Amino acid sequence: MTMVDSATHSVSGISASVPETLSMAQAINRALGDAMQEDERVLMFGEDVGALGGVFRITDGLTERFGDKRCFDTPLAESGIVGMAVGMAMNGMRPVVEMQFDAFAYPAFEQVVSHVAKMANRTQGAVRLPIVIRIPYGGGIGGVEHHCDSSEAYYAHTPGLTVVAPATPSDAYGLMREAIAFPDPVVFLEPKKLYWSKESVDLTAPVPPIGRAVVRRAGTDATLICYGTSVPVALEAAEAAESEGRSLQVVDMRSITPFDDETVCAAVESTGRAVVIAEASGFASVASEISARISERCFHSLASPVKRVTGFDIPFAPPKLERYHLPSVNRILDAVDDLQWED
């Protein structure tokens, strides 16, 4: 059995590969397949993930490759899916489970909060649960209610859970490999509207580990902090701002918890201004926490109060209105304009 180095994502026994163009969906599929190939303890299950390959085809081909004991369908019972994963993890397996859509995960919430998140603490570290809970999340696909929630705050608020949200195919591959190798539970938020985004991916190249943010674009006037679904919008806004004579830095959180205070604070202190961007509703949100941490830690470096661009405090908008609900380039640029600037 080949072992994974969780610090660098390097995998022994695999030679260097030529970069290839992959979508985020393909990158996650490849990460799952590689992990299952290297470690027979890894298995994948959930609703329609077997023969169908999942609603978004993330698990396409895994049942054919590894058999229906390693990648299989379950009943439509999210609480049962996560509960079964708890038992498997307690007995040496490394289960990866899929919640078909973000809001479909709520029936499993009691299992996640009461058992998945607490088991290591309850047993003083004697029982660890290396479970990955895959949750396609966010809007931007014209979905209806129960198909477009951004539920990250529920999980980030729960001690004992690690919560990550990739924004690129490379990160999707690297973070999934690290999440599967992680000794404790990881909530892996997959931005649905980015499933079909593509880039050249070197599957053997190290990527920053869980808990580290990255600067996606350098800038000197203000810092945009974002994650998952909001990263491409922030980059587009930074590109548009450049034509207006403003240089915006973009920080991709990648990991919501643990939170990378060091990278975020260094970025904000370098510009003196910050805008936090996220699709979830703004009240009591991850964006609220990020804004508070910046205000507490960077207060003497701030030239302006921290601004937020989030979804509105309403149930998710119907498909024809979601473009008004989600953070947009114009809303981000308006927030930048509202920062205090010297005449």
C-alpha atoms as a PDB file:
ATOM      1  CA  MET A   1       0.000   0.000   0.000  1.00  0.00           C
ATOM      2  CA  THR A   2       1.420   3.382  -0.996  1.00  0.00           C
ATOM      3  CA  MET A   3       1.410   6.070   1.666  1.00  0.00           C
ATOM      4  CA  VAL A   4       0.535   9.742   1.267  1.00  0.00           C
ATOM      5  CA  ASP A   5       2.668  12.534   2.696  1.00  0.00           C
ATOM      6  CA  SER A   6      -0.058  14.819   4.026  1.00  0.00           C
ATOM      7  CA  ALA A   7       2.322  17.758   4.439  1.00  0.00           C
ATOM      8  CA  THR A   8       3.218  18.058   0.784  1.00  0.00           C
ATOM      9  CA  HIS A   9       0.631  15.924  -1.009  1.00  0.00           C
ATOM     10  CA  SER A  10       3.468  13.988  -2.610  1.00  0.00           C
ATOM     11  CA  VAL A  11       2.664  10.345  -3.243  1.00  0.00           C
ATOM     12  CA  SER A  12       5.392   7.746  -3.183  1.00  0.00           C
ATOM     13  CA  GLY A  13       5.413   5.313  -6.053  1.00  0.00           C
ATOM     14  CA  ILE A  14       4.041   7.755  -8.622  1.00  0.00           C
ATOM     15  CA  SER A  15       6.449   9.235 -11.124  1.00  0.00           C
ATOM     16  CA  ALA A  16       6.284  12.847 -12.242  1.00  0.00           C
ATOM     17  CA  SER A  17       3.500  13.440 -14.733  1.00  0.00           C
ATOM     18  CA  VAL A  18       2.964  15.905 -17.535  1.00  0.00           C
ATOM     19  CA  PRO A  19       0.444  18.615 -16.590  1.00  0.00           C
ATOM     20  CA  GLU A  20      -2.973  18.006 -18.114  1.00  0.00           C
ATOM     21  CA  THR A  21      -6.066  20.128 -18.509  1.00  0.00           C
ATOM     22  CA  LEU A  22      -8.725  19.070 -16.027  1.00  0.00           C
ATOM     23  CA  SER A  23     -12.019  20.490 -14.856  1.00  0.00           C
ATOM     24  CA  MET A  24     -12.595  20.728 -11.117  1.00  0.00           C
ATOM     25  CA  ALA A  25     -15.001  17.794 -11.375  1.00  0.00           C
ATOM     26  CA  GLN A  26     -12.354  15.710 -13.114  1.00  0.00           C
ATOM     27  CA  ALA A  27      -9.702  16.750 -10.582  1.00  0.00           C
ATOM     28  CA  ILE A  28     -11.842  15.611  -7.648  1.00  0.00           C
ATOM     29  CA  ASN A  29     -12.643  12.366  -9.464  1.00  0.00           C
ATOM     30  CA  ARG A  30      -8.935  11.792 -10.042  1.00  0.00           C
ATOM     31  CA  ALA A  31      -8.121  12.518  -6.392  1.00  0.00           C
ATOM     32  CA  LEU A  32     -10.724  10.023  -5.223  1.00  0.00           C
ATOM     33  CA  GLY A  33      -9.509   7.381  -7.671  1.00  0.00           C
ATOM     34  CA  ASP A  34      -5.844   7.869  -6.786  1.00  0.00           C
ATOM     35  CA  ALA A  35      -6.566   7.649  -3.059  1.00  0.00           C
ATOM     36  CA  MET A  36      -8.675   4.515  -3.497  1.00  0.00           C
ATOM     37  CA  GLN A  37      -5.961   2.945  -5.641  1.00  0.00           C
ATOM     38  CA  GLU A  38      -3.262   3.586  -3.053  1.00  0.00           C
ATOM     39  CA  ASP A  39      -5.174   2.751   0.117  1.00  0.00           C
ATOM     40  CA  GLU A  40      -7.720  -0.050   0.264  1.00  0.00           C
ATOM     41  CA  ARG A  41      -9.230   1.507   3.399  1.00  0.00           C
ATOM     42  CA  VAL A  42     -10.618   4.413   1.337  1.00  0.00           C
ATOM     43  CA  LEU A  43     -14.172   3.977   0.100  1.00  0.00           C
ATOM     44  CA  MET A  44     -16.805   6.271  -1.373  1.00  0.00           C
ATOM     45  CA  PHE A  45     -20.555   6.126  -0.837  1.00  0.00           C
ATOM     46  CA  GLY A  46     -23.695   8.244  -1.014  1.00  0.00           C
ATOM     47  CA  GLU A  47     -26.837   8.758  -3.044  1.00  0.00           C
ATOM     48  CA  ASP A  48     -26.414   7.837  -6.742  1.00  0.00           C
ATOM     49  CA  VAL A  49     -22.603   7.856  -6.558  1.00  0.00           C
ATOM     50  CA  GLY A  50     -22.281   4.267  -7.824  1.00  0.00           C
ATOM     51  CA  ALA A  51     -23.390   3.292 -11.321  1.00  0.00           C
ATOM     52  CA  LEU A  52     -24.628   6.808 -12.133  1.00  0.00           C
ATOM     53  CA  GLY A  53     -21.406   8.456 -10.962  1.00  0.00           C
ATOM     54  CA  GLY A  54     -23.199  11.125  -8.950  1.00  0.00           C
ATOM     55  CA  VAL A  55     -25.461  13.976 -10.002  1.00  0.00           C
ATOM     56  CA  PHE A  56     -22.403  15.938 -11.129  1.00  0.00           C
ATOM     57  CA  ARG A  57     -20.513  12.785 -12.239  1.00  0.00           C
ATOM     58  CA  ILE A  58     -17.807  13.343  -9.637  1.00  0.00           C
ATOM     59  CA  THR A  59     -17.591   9.609  -8.901  1.00  0.00           C
ATOM     60  CA  ASP A  60     -17.912   8.516 -12.520  1.00  0.00           C
ATOM     61  CA  GLY A  61     -16.100   5.243 -13.177  1.00  0.00           C
ATOM     62  CA  LEU A  62     -15.118   4.517  -9.572  1.00  0.00           C
ATOM     63  CA  THR A  63     -17.538   1.615  -9.156  1.00  0.00           C
ATOM     64  CA  GLU A  64     -16.274   0.059 -12.378  1.00  0.00           C
ATOM     65  CA  ARG A  65     -12.664   0.399 -11.222  1.00  0.00           C
ATOM     66  CA  PHE A  66     -12.994  -0.641  -7.586  1.00  0.00           C
ATOM     67  CA  GLY A  67     -16.227  -2.603  -7.357  1.00  0.00           C
ATOM     68  CA  ASP A  68     -19.500  -1.928  -5.580  1.00  0.00           C
ATOM     69  CA  LYS A  69     -18.008  -2.612  -2.148  1.00  0.00           C
ATOM     70  CA  ARG A  70     -15.668   0.400  -2.493  1.00  0.00           C
ATOM     71  CA  CYS A  71     -17.984   2.863  -4.282  1.00  0.00           C
ATOM     72  CA  PHE A  72     -21.674   2.264  -3.736  1.00  0.00           C
ATOM     73  CA  ASP A  73     -25.130   3.785  -3.522  1.00  0.00           C
ATOM     74  CA  THR A  74     -26.999   4.292  -0.274  1.00  0.00           C
ATOM     75  CA  PRO A  75     -30.656   4.894   0.601  1.00  0.00           C
ATOM     76  CA  LEU A  76     -31.879   8.496   0.600  1.00  0.00           C
ATOM     77  CA  ALA A  77     -31.005   8.960   4.261  1.00  0.00           C
ATOM     78  CA  GLU A  78     -28.220  11.429   4.932  1.00  0.00           C
ATOM     79  CA  SER A  79     -28.199  10.767   8.676  1.00  0.00           C
ATOM     80  CA  GLY A  80     -27.703   7.083   7.956  1.00  0.00           C
ATOM     81  CA  ILE A  81     -24.919   7.820   5.468  1.00  0.00           C
ATOM     82  CA  VAL A  82     -22.898   9.828   7.979  1.00  0.00           C
ATOM     83  CA  GLY A  83     -23.752   7.471  10.850  1.00  0.00           C
ATOM     84  CA  MET A  84     -22.460   4.525   8.818  1.00  0.00           C
ATOM     85  CA  ALA A  85     -19.284   6.486   8.056  1.00  0.00           C
ATOM     86  CA  VAL A  86     -18.736   7.004  11.800  1.00  0.00           C
ATOM     87  CA  GLY A  87     -18.880   3.267  12.434  1.00  0.00           C
ATOM     88  CA  MET A  88     -16.570   2.511   9.521  1.00  0.00           C
ATOM     89  CA  ALA A  89     -14.019   5.120  10.600  1.00  0.00           C
ATOM     90  CA  MET A  90     -14.047   3.779  14.161  1.00  0.00           C
ATOM     91  CA  ASN A  91     -13.099   0.403  12.722  1.00  0.00           C
ATOM     92  CA  GLY A  92     -10.153   1.481  10.595  1.00  0.00           C
ATOM     93  CA  MET A  93     -11.733   2.581   7.304  1.00  0.00           C
ATOM     94  CA  ARG A  94     -11.327   5.998   5.673  1.00  0.00           C
ATOM     95  CA  PRO A  95     -14.819   6.764   4.307  1.00  0.00           C
ATOM     96  CA  VAL A  96     -15.608   9.571   1.886  1.00  0.00           C
ATOM     97  CA  VAL A  97     -19.310  10.386   1.746  1.00  0.00           C
ATOM     98  CA  GLU A  98     -21.280  12.647  -0.562  1.00  0.00           C
ATOM     99  CA  MET A  99     -24.174  14.838   0.465  1.00  0.00           C
ATOM    100  CA  GLN A 100     -25.841  15.216  -2.922  1.00  0.00           C
ATOM    101  CA  PHE A 101     -26.605  18.926  -2.477  1.00  0.00           C
ATOM    102  CA  ASP A 102     -25.738  21.422   0.250  1.00  0.00           C
ATOM    103  CA  ALA A 103     -29.191  21.656   1.840  1.00  0.00           C
ATOM    104  CA  PHE A 104     -29.679  17.883   1.594  1.00  0.00           C
ATOM    105  CA  ALA A 105     -26.999  17.560   4.288  1.00  0.00           C
ATOM    106  CA  TYR A 106     -29.134  19.014   7.054  1.00  0.00           C
ATOM    107  CA  PRO A 107     -30.754  15.683   8.062  1.00  0.00           C
ATOM    108  CA  ALA A 108     -27.194  14.500   8.843  1.00  0.00           C
ATOM    109  CA  PHE A 109     -26.352  17.556  10.898  1.00  0.00           C
ATOM    110  CA  GLU A 110     -27.012  15.872  14.249  1.00  0.00           C
ATOM    111  CA  GLN A 111     -24.587  13.080  13.363  1.00  0.00           C
ATOM    112  CA  VAL A 112     -21.972  15.605  12.231  1.00  0.00           C
ATOM    113  CA  VAL A 113     -22.200  17.840  15.296  1.00  0.00           C
ATOM    114  CA  SER A 114     -22.849  15.235  17.997  1.00  0.00           C
ATOM    115  CA  HIS A 115     -20.542  12.450  16.853  1.00  0.00           C
ATOM    116  CA  VAL A 116     -18.279  13.258  13.892  1.00  0.00           C
ATOM    117  CA  ALA A 117     -16.971  16.486  15.417  1.00  0.00           C
ATOM    118  CA  LYS A 118     -16.809  15.308  19.031  1.00  0.00           C
ATOM    119  CA  MET A 119     -15.468  11.741  18.934  1.00  0.00           C
ATOM    120  CA  ALA A 120     -11.769  12.588  19.245  1.00  0.00           C
ATOM    121  CA  ASN A 121     -12.402  14.909  22.181  1.00  0.00           C
ATOM    122  CA  ARG A 122     -14.873  12.504  23.786  1.00  0.00           C
ATOM    123  CA  THR A 123     -12.281   9.722  23.775  1.00  0.00           C
ATOM    124  CA  GLN A 124      -9.278  11.960  24.596  1.00  0.00           C
ATOM    125  CA  GLY A 125      -7.860  11.181  21.157  1.00  0.00           C
ATOM    126  CA  ALA A 126      -8.184   7.407  21.455  1.00  0.00           C
ATOM    127  CA  VAL A 127     -10.761   7.250  18.630  1.00  0.00           C
ATOM    128  CA  ARG A 128     -10.199   9.419  15.560  1.00  0.00           C
ATOM    129  CA  LEU A 129     -12.626   9.710  12.677  1.00  0.00           C
ATOM    130  CA  PRO A 130     -10.840  10.202   9.309  1.00  0.00           C
ATOM    131  CA  ILE A 131     -14.057  10.993   7.420  1.00  0.00           C
ATOM    132  CA  VAL A 132     -14.405  13.311   4.416  1.00  0.00           C
ATOM    133  CA  ILE A 133     -17.892  14.758   3.962  1.00  0.00           C
ATOM    134  CA  ARG A 134     -18.222  16.067   0.396  1.00  0.00           C
ATOM    135  CA  ILE A 135     -20.832  18.808   0.026  1.00  0.00           C
ATOM    136  CA  PRO A 136     -21.515  20.467  -3.354  1.00  0.00           C
ATOM    137  CA  TYR A 137     -22.402  23.996  -2.248  1.00  0.00           C
ATOM    138  CA  GLY A 138     -23.328  27.467  -3.433  1.00  0.00           C
ATOM    139  CA  GLY A 139     -25.322  29.042  -6.225  1.00  0.00           C
ATOM    140  CA  GLY A 140     -24.618  30.066  -9.763  1.00  0.00           C
ATOM    141  CA  ILE A 141     -26.214  27.051 -11.473  1.00  0.00           C
ATOM    142  CA  GLY A 142     -29.817  28.247 -11.664  1.00  0.00           C
ATOM    143  CA  GLY A 143     -30.871  25.755  -9.016  1.00  0.00           C
ATOM    144  CA  VAL A 144     -33.983  25.892  -6.896  1.00  0.00           C
ATOM    145  CA  GLU A 145     -34.402  25.894  -3.110  1.00  0.00           C
ATOM    146  CA  HIS A 146     -32.390  23.157  -1.302  1.00  0.00           C
ATOM    147  CA  HIS A 147     -29.850  23.125  -4.144  1.00  0.00           C
ATOM    148  CA  CYS A 148     -27.887  26.367  -3.676  1.00  0.00           C
ATOM    149  CA  ASP A 149     -27.197  26.894   0.026  1.00  0.00           C
ATOM    150  CA  SER A 150     -23.894  28.161   1.356  1.00  0.00           C
ATOM    151  CA  SER A 151     -23.889  26.353   4.676  1.00  0.00           C
ATOM    152  CA  GLU A 152     -20.234  26.754   5.621  1.00  0.00           C
ATOM    153  CA  ALA A 153     -20.932  28.784   8.791  1.00  0.00           C
ATOM    154  CA  TYR A 154     -22.718  25.833  10.434  1.00  0.00           C
ATOM    155  CA  TYR A 155     -19.677  23.624  10.028  1.00  0.00           C
ATOM    156  CA  ALA A 156     -17.047  26.272  10.714  1.00  0.00           C
ATOM    157  CA  HIS A 157     -18.817  27.081  13.990  1.00  0.00           C
ATOM    158  CA  THR A 158     -18.486  23.454  15.124  1.00  0.00           C
ATOM    159  CA  PRO A 159     -15.221  22.674  16.981  1.00  0.00           C
ATOM    160  CA  GLY A 160     -13.670  19.442  15.805  1.00  0.00           C
ATOM    161  CA  LEU A 161     -14.380  19.951  12.108  1.00  0.00           C
ATOM    162  CA  THR A 162     -11.927  21.077   9.445  1.00  0.00           C
ATOM    163  CA  VAL A 163     -13.663  22.953   6.624  1.00  0.00           C
ATOM    164  CA  VAL A 164     -12.096  23.573   3.205  1.00  0.00           C
ATOM    165  CA  ALA A 165     -13.361  25.089  -0.045  1.00  0.00           C
ATOM    166  CA  PRO A 166     -11.199  24.845  -3.186  1.00  0.00           C
ATOM    167  CA  ALA A 167     -11.503  27.386  -5.980  1.00  0.00           C
ATOM    168  CA  THR A 168      -9.297  25.780  -8.655  1.00  0.00           C
ATOM    169  CA  PRO A 169      -8.912  22.271 -10.095  1.00  0.00           C
ATOM    170  CA  SER A 170      -5.356  22.074  -8.722  1.00  0.00           C
ATOM    171  CA  ASP A 171      -6.541  22.897  -5.227  1.00  0.00           C
ATOM    172  CA  ALA A 172      -9.497  20.541  -5.566  1.00  0.00           C
ATOM    173  CA  TYR A 173      -7.105  17.678  -6.282  1.00  0.00           C
ATOM    174  CA  GLY A 174      -4.518  18.597  -3.645  1.00  0.00           C
ATOM    175  CA  LEU A 175      -6.985  19.432  -0.882  1.00  0.00           C
ATOM    176  CA  MET A 176      -8.981  16.258  -1.504  1.00  0.00           C
ATOM    177  CA  ARG A 177      -5.835  14.132  -1.270  1.00  0.00           C
ATOM    178  CA  GLU A 178      -4.893  15.833   1.984  1.00  0.00           C
ATOM    179  CA  ALA A 179      -8.452  15.619   3.341  1.00  0.00           C
ATOM    180  CA  ILE A 180      -8.529  11.853   2.778  1.00  0.00           C
ATOM    181  CA  ALA A 181      -5.139  11.468   4.483  1.00  0.00           C
ATOM    182  CA  PHE A 182      -6.190  13.718   7.380  1.00  0.00           C
ATOM    183  CA  PRO A 183      -6.647  11.938  10.745  1.00  0.00           C
ATOM    184  CA  ASP A 184      -9.807  13.859  11.663  1.00  0.00           C
ATOM    185  CA  PRO A 185     -13.077  14.776   9.891  1.00  0.00           C
ATOM    186  CA  VAL A 186     -13.022  17.222   6.986  1.00  0.00           C
ATOM    187  CA  VAL A 187     -16.039  18.966   5.473  1.00  0.00           C
ATOM    188  CA  PHE A 188     -15.078  19.389   1.827  1.00  0.00           C
ATOM    189  CA  LEU A 189     -17.168  22.137   0.220  1.00  0.00           C
ATOM    190  CA  GLU A 190     -17.240  21.808  -3.563  1.00  0.00           C
ATOM    191  CA  PRO A 191     -18.357  24.949  -5.437  1.00  0.00           C
ATOM    192  CA  LYS A 192     -20.905  23.609  -7.914  1.00  0.00           C
ATOM    193  CA  LYS A 193     -20.624  26.477 -10.373  1.00  0.00           C
ATOM    194  CA  LEU A 194     -16.872  25.836 -10.650  1.00  0.00           C
ATOM    195  CA  TYR A 195     -17.160  22.108 -11.419  1.00  0.00           C
ATOM    196  CA  TRP A 196     -16.631  22.845 -15.118  1.00  0.00           C
ATOM    197  CA  SER A 197     -13.818  25.392 -14.715  1.00  0.00           C
ATOM    198  CA  LYS A 198     -10.573  24.096 -16.212  1.00  0.00           C
ATOM    199  CA  GLU A 199      -6.860  24.614 -15.840  1.00  0.00           C
ATOM    200  CA  SER A 200      -3.595  22.799 -16.430  1.00  0.00           C
ATOM    201  CA  VAL A 201      -2.979  20.557 -13.415  1.00  0.00           C
ATOM    202  CA  ASP A 202       0.236  18.841 -12.380  1.00  0.00           C
ATOM    203  CA  LEU A 203      -1.040  16.079 -10.138  1.00  0.00           C
ATOM    204  CA  THR A 204       2.385  15.537  -8.557  1.00  0.00           C
ATOM    205  CA  ALA A 205       3.117  19.180  -7.746  1.00  0.00           C
ATOM    206  CA  PRO A 206       2.938  20.127  -4.045  1.00  0.00           C
ATOM    207  CA  VAL A 207       0.166  22.539  -3.088  1.00  0.00           C
ATOM    208  CA  PRO A 208      -0.225  24.470   0.173  1.00  0.00           C
ATOM    209  CA  PRO A 209      -1.630  22.257   2.918  1.00  0.00           C
ATOM    210  CA  ILE A 210      -4.954  22.554   4.697  1.00  0.00           C
ATOM    211  CA  GLY A 211      -4.912  25.703   6.809  1.00  0.00           C
ATOM    212  CA  ARG A 212      -2.929  27.883   4.411  1.00  0.00           C
ATOM    213  CA  ALA A 213      -4.352  30.679   2.296  1.00  0.00           C
ATOM    214  CA  VAL A 214      -2.723  31.877  -0.931  1.00  0.00           C
ATOM    215  CA  VAL A 215      -2.456  35.235  -2.673  1.00  0.00           C
ATOM    216  CA  ARG A 216      -4.016  34.730  -6.099  1.00  0.00           C
ATOM    217  CA  ARG A 217      -3.284  38.252  -7.322  1.00  0.00           C
ATOM    218  CA  ALA A 218      -0.887  40.896  -6.040  1.00  0.00           C
ATOM    219  CA  GLY A 219      -2.159  44.401  -5.355  1.00  0.00           C
ATOM    220  CA  THR A 220      -1.323  47.515  -3.365  1.00  0.00           C
ATOM    221  CA  ASP A 221      -4.545  49.485  -2.774  1.00  0.00           C
ATOM    222  CA  ALA A 222      -6.957  47.042  -1.125  1.00  0.00           C
ATOM    223  CA  THR A 223      -7.227  43.332  -0.324  1.00  0.00           C
ATOM    224  CA  LEU A 224     -10.138  41.127  -1.360  1.00  0.00           C
ATOM    225  CA  ILE A 225     -10.515  38.046   0.885  1.00  0.00           C
ATOM    226  CA  CYS A 226     -12.612  35.204  -0.525  1.00  0.00           C
ATOM    227  CA  TYR A 227     -12.946  31.428  -0.851  1.00  0.00           C
ATOM    228  CA  GLY A 228     -14.561  28.817  -3.054  1.00  0.00           C
ATOM    229  CA  THR A 229     -17.271  30.189  -5.307  1.00  0.00           C
ATOM    230  CA  SER A 230     -16.267  33.827  -4.732  1.00  0.00           C
ATOM    231  CA  VAL A 231     -12.657  33.599  -5.862  1.00  0.00           C
ATOM    232  CA  PRO A 232     -13.216  33.903  -9.646  1.00  0.00           C
ATOM    233  CA  VAL A 233     -15.600  36.844  -9.068  1.00  0.00           C
ATOM    234  CA  ALA A 234     -13.009  38.600  -6.910  1.00  0.00           C
ATOM    235  CA  LEU A 235     -10.326  38.072  -9.556  1.00  0.00           C
ATOM    236  CA  GLU A 236     -12.646  39.463 -12.220  1.00  0.00           C
ATOM    237  CA  ALA A 237     -13.339  42.487 -10.031  1.00  0.00           C
ATOM    238  CA  ALA A 238      -9.613  43.044  -9.514  1.00  0.00           C
ATOM    239  CA  GLU A 239      -9.098  42.925 -13.268  1.00  0.00           C
ATOM    240  CA  ALA A 240     -11.876  45.489 -13.789  1.00  0.00           C
ATOM    241  CA  ALA A 241     -10.502  47.730 -11.031  1.00  0.00           C
ATOM    242  CA  GLU A 242      -7.122  47.832 -12.731  1.00  0.00           C
ATOM    243  CA  SER A 243      -8.690  49.673 -15.673  1.00  0.00           C
ATOM    244  CA  GLU A 244      -9.948  52.235 -13.162  1.00  0.00           C
ATOM    245  CA  GLY A 245      -6.476  52.755 -11.746  1.00  0.00           C
ATOM    246  CA  ARG A 246      -6.839  50.673  -8.587  1.00  0.00           C
ATOM    247  CA  SER A 247      -4.628  47.732  -7.662  1.00  0.00           C
ATOM    248  CA  LEU A 248      -6.523  45.030  -5.765  1.00  0.00           C
ATOM    249  CA  GLN A 249      -4.910  42.074  -4.045  1.00  0.00           C
ATOM    250  CA  VAL A 250      -6.897  38.804  -3.952  1.00  0.00           C
ATOM    251  CA  VAL A 251      -6.458  36.258  -1.141  1.00  0.00           C
ATOM    252  CA  ASP A 252      -8.024  32.804  -1.559  1.00  0.00           C
ATOM    253  CA  MET A 253      -8.693  31.342   1.903  1.00  0.00           C
ATOM    254  CA  ARG A 254      -8.874  27.706   0.663  1.00  0.00           C
ATOM    255  CA  SER A 255      -9.334  26.621   4.290  1.00  0.00           C
ATOM    256  CA  ILE A 256     -12.116  28.174   6.350  1.00  0.00           C
ATOM    257  CA  THR A 257     -11.083  26.360   9.491  1.00  0.00           C
ATOM    258  CA  PRO A 258      -8.312  26.314  10.481  1.00  0.00           C
ATOM    259  CA  PHE A 259      -8.102  29.959   9.485  1.00  0.00           C
ATOM    260  CA  ASP A 260      -4.835  31.396   8.189  1.00  0.00           C
ATOM    261  CA  ASP A 261      -4.527  34.597  10.234  1.00  0.00           C
ATOM    262  CA  GLU A 262      -0.893  35.013   9.257  1.00  0.00           C
ATOM    263  CA  THR A 263      -1.431  35.235   5.488  1.00  0.00           C
ATOM    264  CA  VAL A 264      -4.624  37.281   5.728  1.00  0.00           C
ATOM    265  CA  CYS A 265      -3.230  39.795   8.190  1.00  0.00           C
ATOM    266  CA  ALA A 266      -0.012  40.237   6.226  1.00  0.00           C
ATOM    267  CA  ALA A 267      -2.040  40.861   3.066  1.00  0.00           C
ATOM    268  CA  VAL A 268      -4.379  43.374   4.714  1.00  0.00           C
ATOM    269  CA  GLU A 269      -1.547  45.190   6.478  1.00  0.00           C
ATOM    270  CA  SER A 270       0.215  45.593   3.139  1.00  0.00           C
ATOM    271  CA  THR A 271      -2.745  47.492   1.632  1.00  0.00           C
ATOM    272  CA  GLY A 272      -4.555  48.946   4.649  1.00  0.00           C
ATOM    273  CA  ARG A 273      -7.988  48.157   3.235  1.00  0.00           C
ATOM    274  CA  ALA A 274     -10.059  44.971   3.061  1.00  0.00           C
ATOM    275  CA  VAL A 275     -13.235  43.651   1.479  1.00  0.00           C
ATOM    276  CA  VAL A 276     -14.497  40.176   2.447  1.00  0.00           C
ATOM    277  CA  ILE A 277     -16.529  38.336  -0.203  1.00  0.00           C
ATOM    278  CA  ALA A 278     -18.760  35.283   0.270  1.00  0.00           C
ATOM    279  CA  GLU A 279     -22.025  33.952  -1.152  1.00  0.00           C
ATOM    280  CA  ALA A 280     -23.602  33.081   2.201  1.00  0.00           C
ATOM    281  CA  SER A 281     -25.898  35.516   3.965  1.00  0.00           C
ATOM    282  CA  GLY A 282     -23.911  38.165   5.779  1.00  0.00           C
ATOM    283  CA  PHE A 283     -25.362  38.005   9.296  1.00  0.00           C
ATOM    284  CA  ALA A 284     -23.455  35.698  11.698  1.00  0.00           C
ATOM    285  CA  SER A 285     -21.431  34.346   8.786  1.00  0.00           C
ATOM    286  CA  VAL A 286     -17.896  33.248   7.949  1.00  0.00           C
ATOM    287  CA  ALA A 287     -17.515  36.684   6.342  1.00  0.00           C
ATOM    288  CA  SER A 288     -18.469  38.239   9.702  1.00  0.00           C
ATOM    289  CA  GLU A 289     -15.774  36.240  11.489  1.00  0.00           C
ATOM    290  CA  ILE A 290     -13.119  37.112   8.924  1.00  0.00           C
ATOM    291  CA  SER A 291     -14.050  40.793   9.177  1.00  0.00           C
ATOM    292  CA  ALA A 292     -13.868  40.672  12.979  1.00  0.00           C
ATOM    293  CA  ARG A 293     -10.479  38.958  12.972  1.00  0.00           C
ATOM    294  CA  ILE A 294      -9.078  41.523  10.543  1.00  0.00           C
ATOM    295  CA  SER A 295     -10.453  44.401  12.639  1.00  0.00           C
ATOM    296  CA  GLU A 296      -8.970  42.944  15.841  1.00  0.00           C
ATOM    297  CA  ARG A 297      -5.570  42.002  14.479  1.00  0.00           C
ATOM    298  CA  CYS A 298      -4.961  44.704  11.875  1.00  0.00           C
ATOM    299  CA  PHE A 299      -6.686  47.678  13.512  1.00  0.00           C
ATOM    300  CA  HIS A 300      -3.669  49.983  13.513  1.00  0.00           C
ATOM    301  CA  SER A 301      -2.926  49.205   9.866  1.00  0.00           C
ATOM    302  CA  LEU A 302      -6.427  49.862   8.536  1.00  0.00           C
ATOM    303  CA  ALA A 303      -7.087  53.058   6.606  1.00  0.00           C
ATOM    304  CA  SER A 304     -10.791  52.208   6.386  1.00  0.00           C
ATOM    305  CA  PRO A 305     -13.335  49.945   8.102  1.00  0.00           C
ATOM    306  CA  VAL A 306     -13.570  46.433   6.662  1.00  0.00           C
ATOM    307  CA  LYS A 307     -16.343  45.982   4.091  1.00  0.00           C
ATOM    308  CA  ARG A 308     -18.301  42.820   3.266  1.00  0.00           C
ATOM    309  CA  VAL A 309     -19.988  41.712   0.053  1.00  0.00           C
ATOM    310  CA  THR A 310     -22.246  38.728   0.729  1.00  0.00           C
ATOM    311  CA  GLY A 311     -25.545  37.165  -0.158  1.00  0.00           C
ATOM    312  CA  PHE A 312     -28.562  38.931   1.280  1.00  0.00           C
ATOM    313  CA  ASP A 313     -30.171  37.814   4.556  1.00  0.00           C
ATOM    314  CA  ILE A 314     -32.979  35.937   2.814  1.00  0.00           C
ATOM    315  CA  PRO A 315     -33.635  32.357   1.703  1.00  0.00           C
ATOM    316  CA  PHE A 316     -31.763  31.674  -1.520  1.00  0.00           C
ATOM    317  CA  ALA A 317     -33.259  33.594  -4.437  1.00  0.00           C
ATOM    318  CA  PRO A 318     -35.109  31.797  -7.275  1.00  0.00           C
ATOM    319  CA  PRO A 319     -33.065  31.072 -10.420  1.00  0.00           C
ATOM    320  CA  LYS A 320     -34.062  34.211 -12.335  1.00  0.00           C
ATOM    321  CA  LEU A 321     -33.017  36.431  -9.429  1.00  0.00           C
ATOM    322  CA  GLU A 322     -29.894  34.722  -8.132  1.00  0.00           C
ATOM    323  CA  ARG A 323     -27.591  37.027 -10.092  1.00  0.00           C
ATOM    324  CA  TYR A 324     -28.820  39.885  -7.897  1.00  0.00           C
ATOM    325  CA  HIS A 325     -28.391  37.865  -4.705  1.00  0.00           C
ATOM    326  CA  LEU A 326     -24.856  36.607  -5.284  1.00  0.00           C
ATOM    327  CA  PRO A 327     -21.756  38.816  -4.987  1.00  0.00           C
ATOM    328  CA  SER A 328     -20.983  40.354  -8.367  1.00  0.00           C
ATOM    329  CA  VAL A 329     -18.176  42.379  -9.876  1.00  0.00           C
ATOM    330  CA  ASN A 330     -20.232  45.560  -9.610  1.00  0.00           C
ATOM    331  CA  ARG A 331     -21.114  44.965  -5.949  1.00  0.00           C
ATOM    332  CA  ILE A 332     -17.448  44.302  -5.150  1.00  0.00           C
ATOM    333  CA  LEU A 333     -16.313  47.443  -6.957  1.00  0.00           C
ATOM    334  CA  ASP A 334     -18.987  49.460  -5.152  1.00  0.00           C
ATOM    335  CA  ALA A 335     -17.644  48.163  -1.831  1.00  0.00           C
ATOM    336  CA  VAL A 336     -14.113  49.121  -2.865  1.00  0.00           C
ATOM    337  CA  ASP A 337     -15.353  52.600  -3.780  1.00  0.00           C
ATOM    338  CA  ASP A 338     -16.941  52.885  -0.316  1.00  0.00           C
ATOM    339  CA  LEU A 339     -13.590  52.334   1.382  1.00  0.00           C
ATOM    340  CA  GLN A 340     -11.994  55.517   2.688  1.00  0.00           C
ATOM    341  CA  TRP A 341      -9.658  56.944   0.100  1.00  0.00           C
ATOM    342  CA  GLU A 342      -7.498  60.033   0.293  1.00  0.00           C
ATOM    343  CA  ASP A 343      -8.485  62.822  -2.063  1.00  0.00           C
END
